[in-house]
């Protein structure tokens, strides 16, 4: 297939930005998925050592971007167990 090898990319230089943009988009999606898997209180990797991980995020800001609210100063509406 044309455009899938390095030799054909040398002939069709217009395809290089397409591959770069696709690669950057894929890396961004992988980064965001890994961030959600490691930082989100909805995901539990080890239930034996920490059965209620969402309690750690009671007063922490875990949103990716929040320009208006500082969650470290807000009181959590979640019930305390």
PDB file of N, CA and C in Angstrom:
ATOM      1  N   UNK A   1       0.841  -1.191   0.000  1.00  0.00           N
ATOM      2  CA  UNK A   1       0.000   0.000   0.000  1.00  0.00           C
ATOM      3  C   UNK A   1       0.879   1.245   0.000  1.00  0.00           C
ATOM      4  N   UNK A   2       0.446   2.214  -0.731  1.00  0.00           N
ATOM      5  CA  UNK A   2       1.212   3.445  -0.804  1.00  0.00           C
ATOM      6  C   UNK A   2       0.979   4.286   0.437  1.00  0.00           C
ATOM      7  N   UNK A   3       2.058   4.880   0.940  1.00  0.00           N
ATOM      8  CA  UNK A   3       1.956   5.766   2.088  1.00  0.00           C
ATOM      9  C   UNK A   3       2.165   5.100   3.427  1.00  0.00           C
ATOM     10  N   UNK A   4       2.377   3.796   3.453  1.00  0.00           N
ATOM     11  CA  UNK A   4       2.539   3.096   4.722  1.00  0.00           C
ATOM     12  C   UNK A   4       3.982   2.727   5.036  1.00  0.00           C
ATOM     13  N   UNK A   5       4.880   2.931   4.108  1.00  0.00           N
ATOM     14  CA  UNK A   5       6.295   2.646   4.359  1.00  0.00           C
ATOM     15  C   UNK A   5       7.078   3.954   4.289  1.00  0.00           C
ATOM     16  N   UNK A   6       8.297   3.926   4.809  1.00  0.00           N
ATOM     17  CA  UNK A   6       9.118   5.133   4.811  1.00  0.00           C
ATOM     18  C   UNK A   6       9.499   5.550   3.391  1.00  0.00           C
ATOM     19  N   UNK A   7       9.699   4.601   2.527  1.00  0.00           N
ATOM     20  CA  UNK A   7      10.068   4.940   1.143  1.00  0.00           C
ATOM     21  C   UNK A   7       8.906   5.619   0.425  1.00  0.00           C
ATOM     22  N   UNK A   8       7.707   5.148   0.650  1.00  0.00           N
ATOM     23  CA  UNK A   8       6.572   5.794  -0.011  1.00  0.00           C
ATOM     24  C   UNK A   8       6.244   7.140   0.643  1.00  0.00           C
ATOM     25  N   UNK A   9       6.569   7.308   1.938  1.00  0.00           N
ATOM     26  CA  UNK A   9       6.379   8.614   2.568  1.00  0.00           C
ATOM     27  C   UNK A   9       7.352   9.648   2.012  1.00  0.00           C
ATOM     28  N   UNK A  10       8.523   9.204   1.572  1.00  0.00           N
ATOM     29  CA  UNK A  10       9.468  10.125   0.935  1.00  0.00           C
ATOM     30  C   UNK A  10       8.915  10.636  -0.392  1.00  0.00           C
ATOM     31  N   UNK A  11       8.131   9.810  -1.065  1.00  0.00           N
ATOM     32  CA  UNK A  11       7.530  10.232  -2.331  1.00  0.00           C
ATOM     33  C   UNK A  11       6.289  11.092  -2.106  1.00  0.00           C
ATOM     34  N   UNK A  12       5.509  10.764  -1.083  1.00  0.00           N
ATOM     35  CA  UNK A  12       4.267  11.482  -0.782  1.00  0.00           C
ATOM     36  C   UNK A  12       4.443  12.266   0.518  1.00  0.00           C
ATOM     37  N   UNK A  13       5.111  13.386   0.450  1.00  0.00           N
ATOM     38  CA  UNK A  13       5.432  14.173   1.641  1.00  0.00           C
ATOM     39  C   UNK A  13       4.198  14.806   2.278  1.00  0.00           C
ATOM     40  N   UNK A  14       3.120  14.904   1.559  1.00  0.00           N
ATOM     41  CA  UNK A  14       1.899  15.504   2.101  1.00  0.00           C
ATOM     42  C   UNK A  14       1.235  14.605   3.147  1.00  0.00           C
ATOM     43  N   UNK A  15       1.609  13.334   3.207  1.00  0.00           N
ATOM     44  CA  UNK A  15       1.025  12.424   4.193  1.00  0.00           C
ATOM     45  C   UNK A  15       1.697  12.525   5.557  1.00  0.00           C
ATOM     46  N   UNK A  16       2.871  13.126   5.625  1.00  0.00           N
ATOM     47  CA  UNK A  16       3.611  13.199   6.890  1.00  0.00           C
ATOM     48  C   UNK A  16       2.833  13.977   7.959  1.00  0.00           C
ATOM     49  N   UNK A  17       2.253  15.160   7.667  1.00  0.00           N
ATOM     50  CA  UNK A  17       1.465  15.849   8.704  1.00  0.00           C
ATOM     51  C   UNK A  17       0.254  15.040   9.165  1.00  0.00           C
ATOM     52  N   UNK A  18      -0.317  14.277   8.274  1.00  0.00           N
ATOM     53  CA  UNK A  18      -1.445  13.427   8.650  1.00  0.00           C
ATOM     54  C   UNK A  18      -1.028  12.391   9.685  1.00  0.00           C
ATOM     55  N   UNK A  19       0.119  11.740   9.453  1.00  0.00           N
ATOM     56  CA  UNK A  19       0.610  10.751  10.407  1.00  0.00           C
ATOM     57  C   UNK A  19       1.013  11.403  11.728  1.00  0.00           C
ATOM     58  N   UNK A  20       1.583  12.597  11.674  1.00  0.00           N
ATOM     59  CA  UNK A  20       1.988  13.296  12.904  1.00  0.00           C
ATOM     60  C   UNK A  20       0.760  13.668  13.723  1.00  0.00           C
ATOM     61  N   UNK A  21      -0.248  14.238  13.084  1.00  0.00           N
ATOM     62  CA  UNK A  21      -1.467  14.625  13.811  1.00  0.00           C
ATOM     63  C   UNK A  21      -2.197  13.413  14.387  1.00  0.00           C
ATOM     64  N   UNK A  22      -2.239  12.335  13.632  1.00  0.00           N
ATOM     65  CA  UNK A  22      -2.870  11.109  14.136  1.00  0.00           C
ATOM     66  C   UNK A  22      -2.092  10.541  15.323  1.00  0.00           C
ATOM     67  N   UNK A  23      -0.766  10.567  15.238  1.00  0.00           N
ATOM     68  CA  UNK A  23       0.057  10.072  16.344  1.00  0.00           C
ATOM     69  C   UNK A  23      -0.088  10.917  17.594  1.00  0.00           C
ATOM     70  N   UNK A  24      -0.116  12.254  17.424  1.00  0.00           N
ATOM     71  CA  UNK A  24      -0.283  13.138  18.582  1.00  0.00           C
ATOM     72  C   UNK A  24      -1.660  12.934  19.214  1.00  0.00           C
ATOM     73  N   UNK A  25      -2.690  12.775  18.405  1.00  0.00           N
ATOM     74  CA  UNK A  25      -4.035  12.528  18.930  1.00  0.00           C
ATOM     75  C   UNK A  25      -4.129  11.206  19.675  1.00  0.00           C
ATOM     76  N   UNK A  26      -3.497  10.182  19.136  1.00  0.00           N
ATOM     77  CA  UNK A  26      -3.512   8.872  19.802  1.00  0.00           C
ATOM     78  C   UNK A  26      -2.752   8.921  21.122  1.00  0.00           C
ATOM     79  N   UNK A  27      -1.611   9.615  21.140  1.00  0.00           N
ATOM     80  CA  UNK A  27      -0.845   9.733  22.389  1.00  0.00           C
ATOM     81  C   UNK A  27      -1.614  10.540  23.434  1.00  0.00           C
ATOM     82  N   UNK A  28      -2.321  11.570  23.009  1.00  0.00           N
ATOM     83  CA  UNK A  28      -3.148  12.342  23.938  1.00  0.00           C
ATOM     84  C   UNK A  28      -4.272  11.503  24.532  1.00  0.00           C
ATOM     85  N   UNK A  29      -4.894  10.673  23.702  1.00  0.00           N
ATOM     86  CA  UNK A  29      -5.960   9.804  24.193  1.00  0.00           C
ATOM     87  C   UNK A  29      -5.420   8.773  25.181  1.00  0.00           C
ATOM     88  N   UNK A  30      -4.254   8.205  24.896  1.00  0.00           N
ATOM     89  CA  UNK A  30      -3.637   7.229  25.804  1.00  0.00           C
ATOM     90  C   UNK A  30      -3.253   7.900  27.120  1.00  0.00           C
ATOM     91  N   UNK A  31      -2.685   9.109  27.047  1.00  0.00           N
ATOM     92  CA  UNK A  31      -2.330   9.835  28.262  1.00  0.00           C
ATOM     93  C   UNK A  31      -3.562  10.108  29.120  1.00  0.00           C
ATOM     94  N   UNK A  32      -4.658  10.551  28.506  1.00  0.00           N
ATOM     95  CA  UNK A  32      -5.860  10.861  29.272  1.00  0.00           C
ATOM     96  C   UNK A  32      -6.477   9.599  29.875  1.00  0.00           C
ATOM     97  N   UNK A  33      -6.452   8.493  29.155  1.00  0.00           N
ATOM     98  CA  UNK A  33      -6.961   7.235  29.709  1.00  0.00           C
ATOM     99  C   UNK A  33      -6.130   6.771  30.901  1.00  0.00           C
ATOM    100  N   UNK A  34      -4.799   6.883  30.788  1.00  0.00           N
ATOM    101  CA  UNK A  34      -3.940   6.506  31.912  1.00  0.00           C
ATOM    102  C   UNK A  34      -4.163   7.435  33.103  1.00  0.00           C
ATOM    103  N   UNK A  35      -4.369   8.709  32.851  1.00  0.00           N
ATOM    104  CA  UNK A  35      -4.620   9.658  33.934  1.00  0.00           C
ATOM    105  C   UNK A  35      -5.937   9.325  34.636  1.00  0.00           C
ATOM    106  N   UNK A  36      -6.973   9.004  33.857  1.00  0.00           N
ATOM    107  CA  UNK A  36      -8.244   8.626  34.462  1.00  0.00           C
ATOM    108  C   UNK A  36      -8.118   7.332  35.266  1.00  0.00           C
ATOM    109  N   UNK A  37      -7.342   6.392  34.767  1.00  0.00           N
ATOM    110  CA  UNK A  37      -7.201   5.107  35.454  1.00  0.00           C
ATOM    111  C   UNK A  37      -6.408   5.233  36.749  1.00  0.00           C
ATOM    112  N   UNK A  38      -5.496   6.210  36.839  1.00  0.00           N
ATOM    113  CA  UNK A  38      -4.656   6.321  38.033  1.00  0.00           C
ATOM    114  C   UNK A  38      -5.127   7.394  39.002  1.00  0.00           C
ATOM    115  N   UNK A  39      -5.813   8.417  38.542  1.00  0.00           N
ATOM    116  CA  UNK A  39      -6.177   9.544  39.404  1.00  0.00           C
ATOM    117  C   UNK A  39      -7.640   9.608  39.787  1.00  0.00           C
ATOM    118  N   UNK A  40      -8.505   8.942  39.083  1.00  0.00           N
ATOM    119  CA  UNK A  40      -9.934   9.061  39.317  1.00  0.00           C
ATOM    120  C   UNK A  40     -10.358   8.274  40.553  1.00  0.00           C
ATOM    121  N   UNK A  41     -11.229   8.848  41.370  1.00  0.00           N
ATOM    122  CA  UNK A  41     -11.718   8.101  42.538  1.00  0.00           C
ATOM    123  C   UNK A  41     -12.712   7.010  42.154  1.00  0.00           C
ATOM    124  N   UNK A  42     -13.151   6.970  40.919  1.00  0.00           N
ATOM    125  CA  UNK A  42     -14.093   5.945  40.481  1.00  0.00           C
ATOM    126  C   UNK A  42     -13.423   4.616  40.175  1.00  0.00           C
ATOM    127  N   UNK A  43     -12.099   4.605  40.076  1.00  0.00           N
ATOM    128  CA  UNK A  43     -11.359   3.390  39.716  1.00  0.00           C
ATOM    129  C   UNK A  43     -10.627   2.872  40.947  1.00  0.00           C
ATOM    130  N   UNK A  44     -10.800   1.599  41.252  1.00  0.00           N
ATOM    131  CA  UNK A  44     -10.132   0.969  42.382  1.00  0.00           C
ATOM    132  C   UNK A  44      -9.228  -0.137  41.860  1.00  0.00           C
ATOM    133  N   UNK A  45      -7.929  -0.027  42.136  1.00  0.00           N
ATOM    134  CA  UNK A  45      -6.984  -1.041  41.691  1.00  0.00           C
ATOM    135  C   UNK A  45      -6.756  -2.100  42.764  1.00  0.00           C
ATOM    136  N   UNK A  46      -6.821  -1.728  44.024  1.00  0.00           N
ATOM    137  CA  UNK A  46      -6.560  -2.671  45.103  1.00  0.00           C
ATOM    138  C   UNK A  46      -7.610  -2.472  46.188  1.00  0.00           C
ATOM    139  N   UNK A  47      -8.607  -3.314  46.214  1.00  0.00           N
ATOM    140  CA  UNK A  47      -9.700  -3.157  47.174  1.00  0.00           C
ATOM    141  C   UNK A  47      -9.357  -3.690  48.564  1.00  0.00           C
ATOM    142  N   UNK A  48      -8.321  -4.501  48.667  1.00  0.00           N
ATOM    143  CA  UNK A  48      -8.011  -5.090  49.966  1.00  0.00           C
ATOM    144  C   UNK A  48      -7.370  -4.084  50.909  1.00  0.00           C
ATOM    145  N   UNK A  49      -6.445  -3.273  50.393  1.00  0.00           N
ATOM    146  CA  UNK A  49      -5.765  -2.313  51.263  1.00  0.00           C
ATOM    147  C   UNK A  49      -6.576  -1.036  51.468  1.00  0.00           C
ATOM    148  N   UNK A  50      -7.427  -0.684  50.510  1.00  0.00           N
ATOM    149  CA  UNK A  50      -8.212   0.532  50.620  1.00  0.00           C
ATOM    150  C   UNK A  50      -9.619   0.264  50.077  1.00  0.00           C
ATOM    151  N   UNK A  51     -10.539  -0.211  50.921  1.00  0.00           N
ATOM    152  CA  UNK A  51     -11.859  -0.593  50.415  1.00  0.00           C
ATOM    153  C   UNK A  51     -12.724   0.587  49.980  1.00  0.00           C
ATOM    154  N   UNK A  52     -12.461   1.786  50.486  1.00  0.00           N
ATOM    155  CA  UNK A  52     -13.238   2.960  50.102  1.00  0.00           C
ATOM    156  C   UNK A  52     -12.294   4.069  49.634  1.00  0.00           C
ATOM    157  N   UNK A  53     -11.777   3.992  48.422  1.00  0.00           N
ATOM    158  CA  UNK A  53     -10.783   4.967  47.966  1.00  0.00           C
ATOM    159  C   UNK A  53     -11.348   6.356  47.748  1.00  0.00           C
ATOM    160  N   UNK A  54     -12.652   6.470  47.563  1.00  0.00           N
ATOM    161  CA  UNK A  54     -13.238   7.789  47.327  1.00  0.00           C
ATOM    162  C   UNK A  54     -13.173   8.676  48.566  1.00  0.00           C
ATOM    163  N   UNK A  55     -12.952   8.081  49.741  1.00  0.00           N
ATOM    164  CA  UNK A  55     -12.823   8.889  50.956  1.00  0.00           C
ATOM    165  C   UNK A  55     -11.526   9.701  50.964  1.00  0.00           C
ATOM    166  N   UNK A  56     -10.510   9.273  50.224  1.00  0.00           N
ATOM    167  CA  UNK A  56      -9.264  10.031  50.131  1.00  0.00           C
ATOM    168  C   UNK A  56      -9.465  11.339  49.377  1.00  0.00           C
ATOM    169  N   UNK A  57     -10.467  11.390  48.525  1.00  0.00           N
ATOM    170  CA  UNK A  57     -10.697  12.554  47.681  1.00  0.00           C
ATOM    171  C   UNK A  57     -11.769  13.479  48.247  1.00  0.00           C
ATOM    172  N   UNK A  58     -12.014  13.384  49.518  1.00  0.00           N
ATOM    173  CA  UNK A  58     -13.068  14.191  50.120  1.00  0.00           C
ATOM    174  C   UNK A  58     -12.791  15.682  49.945  1.00  0.00           C
ATOM    175  N   UNK A  59     -11.583  16.139  50.206  1.00  0.00           N
ATOM    176  CA  UNK A  59     -11.262  17.561  50.094  1.00  0.00           C
ATOM    177  C   UNK A  59     -10.165  17.833  49.074  1.00  0.00           C
ATOM    178  N   UNK A  60      -9.980  16.950  48.120  1.00  0.00           N
ATOM    179  CA  UNK A  60      -8.956  17.145  47.103  1.00  0.00           C
ATOM    180  C   UNK A  60      -9.604  17.552  45.782  1.00  0.00           C
ATOM    181  N   UNK A  61      -8.872  18.303  45.003  1.00  0.00           N
ATOM    182  CA  UNK A  61      -9.334  18.665  43.666  1.00  0.00           C
ATOM    183  C   UNK A  61      -8.834  17.606  42.700  1.00  0.00           C
ATOM    184  N   UNK A  62      -9.744  16.861  42.112  1.00  0.00           N
ATOM    185  CA  UNK A  62      -9.352  15.804  41.192  1.00  0.00           C
ATOM    186  C   UNK A  62      -9.837  16.068  39.775  1.00  0.00           C
ATOM    187  N   UNK A  63     -10.479  17.196  39.561  1.00  0.00           N
ATOM    188  CA  UNK A  63     -10.890  17.537  38.210  1.00  0.00           C
ATOM    189  C   UNK A  63      -9.676  17.958  37.408  1.00  0.00           C
ATOM    190  N   UNK A  64      -9.745  17.751  36.096  1.00  0.00           N
ATOM    191  CA  UNK A  64      -8.618  18.087  35.219  1.00  0.00           C
ATOM    192  C   UNK A  64      -8.395  19.593  35.179  1.00  0.00           C
ATOM    193  N   UNK A  65      -9.470  20.363  35.110  1.00  0.00           N
ATOM    194  CA  UNK A  65      -9.354  21.817  35.053  1.00  0.00           C
ATOM    195  C   UNK A  65     -10.614  22.429  35.646  1.00  0.00           C
ATOM    196  N   UNK A  66     -10.448  23.284  36.610  1.00  0.00           N
ATOM    197  CA  UNK A  66     -11.573  23.973  37.225  1.00  0.00           C
ATOM    198  C   UNK A  66     -11.163  25.413  37.501  1.00  0.00           C
ATOM    199  N   UNK A  67     -11.545  26.349  36.633  1.00  0.00           N
ATOM    200  CA  UNK A  67     -11.081  27.728  36.804  1.00  0.00           C
ATOM    201  C   UNK A  67     -11.799  28.501  37.905  1.00  0.00           C
ATOM    202  N   UNK A  68     -12.974  28.063  38.327  1.00  0.00           N
ATOM    203  CA  UNK A  68     -13.787  28.869  39.233  1.00  0.00           C
ATOM    204  C   UNK A  68     -13.762  28.412  40.685  1.00  0.00           C
ATOM    205  N   UNK A  69     -13.611  27.131  40.939  1.00  0.00           N
ATOM    206  CA  UNK A  69     -13.778  26.594  42.289  1.00  0.00           C
ATOM    207  C   UNK A  69     -12.481  25.975  42.771  1.00  0.00           C
ATOM    208  N   UNK A  70     -12.095  26.308  44.002  1.00  0.00           N
ATOM    209  CA  UNK A  70     -10.959  25.652  44.648  1.00  0.00           C
ATOM    210  C   UNK A  70     -11.525  24.595  45.596  1.00  0.00           C
ATOM    211  N   UNK A  71     -11.407  23.344  45.219  1.00  0.00           N
ATOM    212  CA  UNK A  71     -12.044  22.273  45.969  1.00  0.00           C
ATOM    213  C   UNK A  71     -11.348  21.956  47.292  1.00  0.00           C
ATOM    214  N   UNK A  72     -10.147  22.462  47.490  1.00  0.00           N
ATOM    215  CA  UNK A  72      -9.484  22.216  48.772  1.00  0.00           C
ATOM    216  C   UNK A  72     -10.128  23.022  49.897  1.00  0.00           C
ATOM    217  N   UNK A  73     -10.860  24.092  49.557  1.00  0.00           N
ATOM    218  CA  UNK A  73     -11.519  24.919  50.568  1.00  0.00           C
ATOM    219  C   UNK A  73     -12.998  24.596  50.716  1.00  0.00           C
ATOM    220  N   UNK A  74     -13.534  23.795  49.814  1.00  0.00           N
ATOM    221  CA  UNK A  74     -14.952  23.437  49.849  1.00  0.00           C
ATOM    222  C   UNK A  74     -15.183  22.229  50.755  1.00  0.00           C
ATOM    223  N   UNK A  75     -16.323  22.209  51.392  1.00  0.00           N
ATOM    224  CA  UNK A  75     -16.725  21.052  52.199  1.00  0.00           C
ATOM    225  C   UNK A  75     -17.423  20.055  51.296  1.00  0.00           C
ATOM    226  N   UNK A  76     -17.094  18.813  51.431  1.00  0.00           N
ATOM    227  CA  UNK A  76     -17.646  17.776  50.582  1.00  0.00           C
ATOM    228  C   UNK A  76     -19.075  17.447  51.009  1.00  0.00           C
ATOM    229  N   UNK A  77     -19.997  17.316  50.042  1.00  0.00           N
ATOM    230  CA  UNK A  77     -21.374  16.939  50.392  1.00  0.00           C
ATOM    231  C   UNK A  77     -21.551  15.435  50.592  1.00  0.00           C
ATOM    232  N   UNK A  78     -20.486  14.675  50.389  1.00  0.00           N
ATOM    233  CA  UNK A  78     -20.584  13.217  50.519  1.00  0.00           C
ATOM    234  C   UNK A  78     -20.734  12.820  51.994  1.00  0.00           C
ATOM    235  N   UNK A  79     -21.489  11.792  52.267  1.00  0.00           N
ATOM    236  CA  UNK A  79     -21.650  11.353  53.657  1.00  0.00           C
ATOM    237  C   UNK A  79     -20.361  10.730  54.191  1.00  0.00           C
ATOM    238  N   UNK A  80     -20.153  10.888  55.495  1.00  0.00           N
ATOM    239  CA  UNK A  80     -18.960  10.301  56.141  1.00  0.00           C
ATOM    240  C   UNK A  80     -19.333   8.947  56.714  1.00  0.00           C
ATOM    241  N   UNK A  81     -18.563   7.944  56.352  1.00  0.00           N
ATOM    242  CA  UNK A  81     -18.844   6.581  56.834  1.00  0.00           C
ATOM    243  C   UNK A  81     -17.928   6.226  57.964  1.00  0.00           C
TER     244      UNK A  81
END
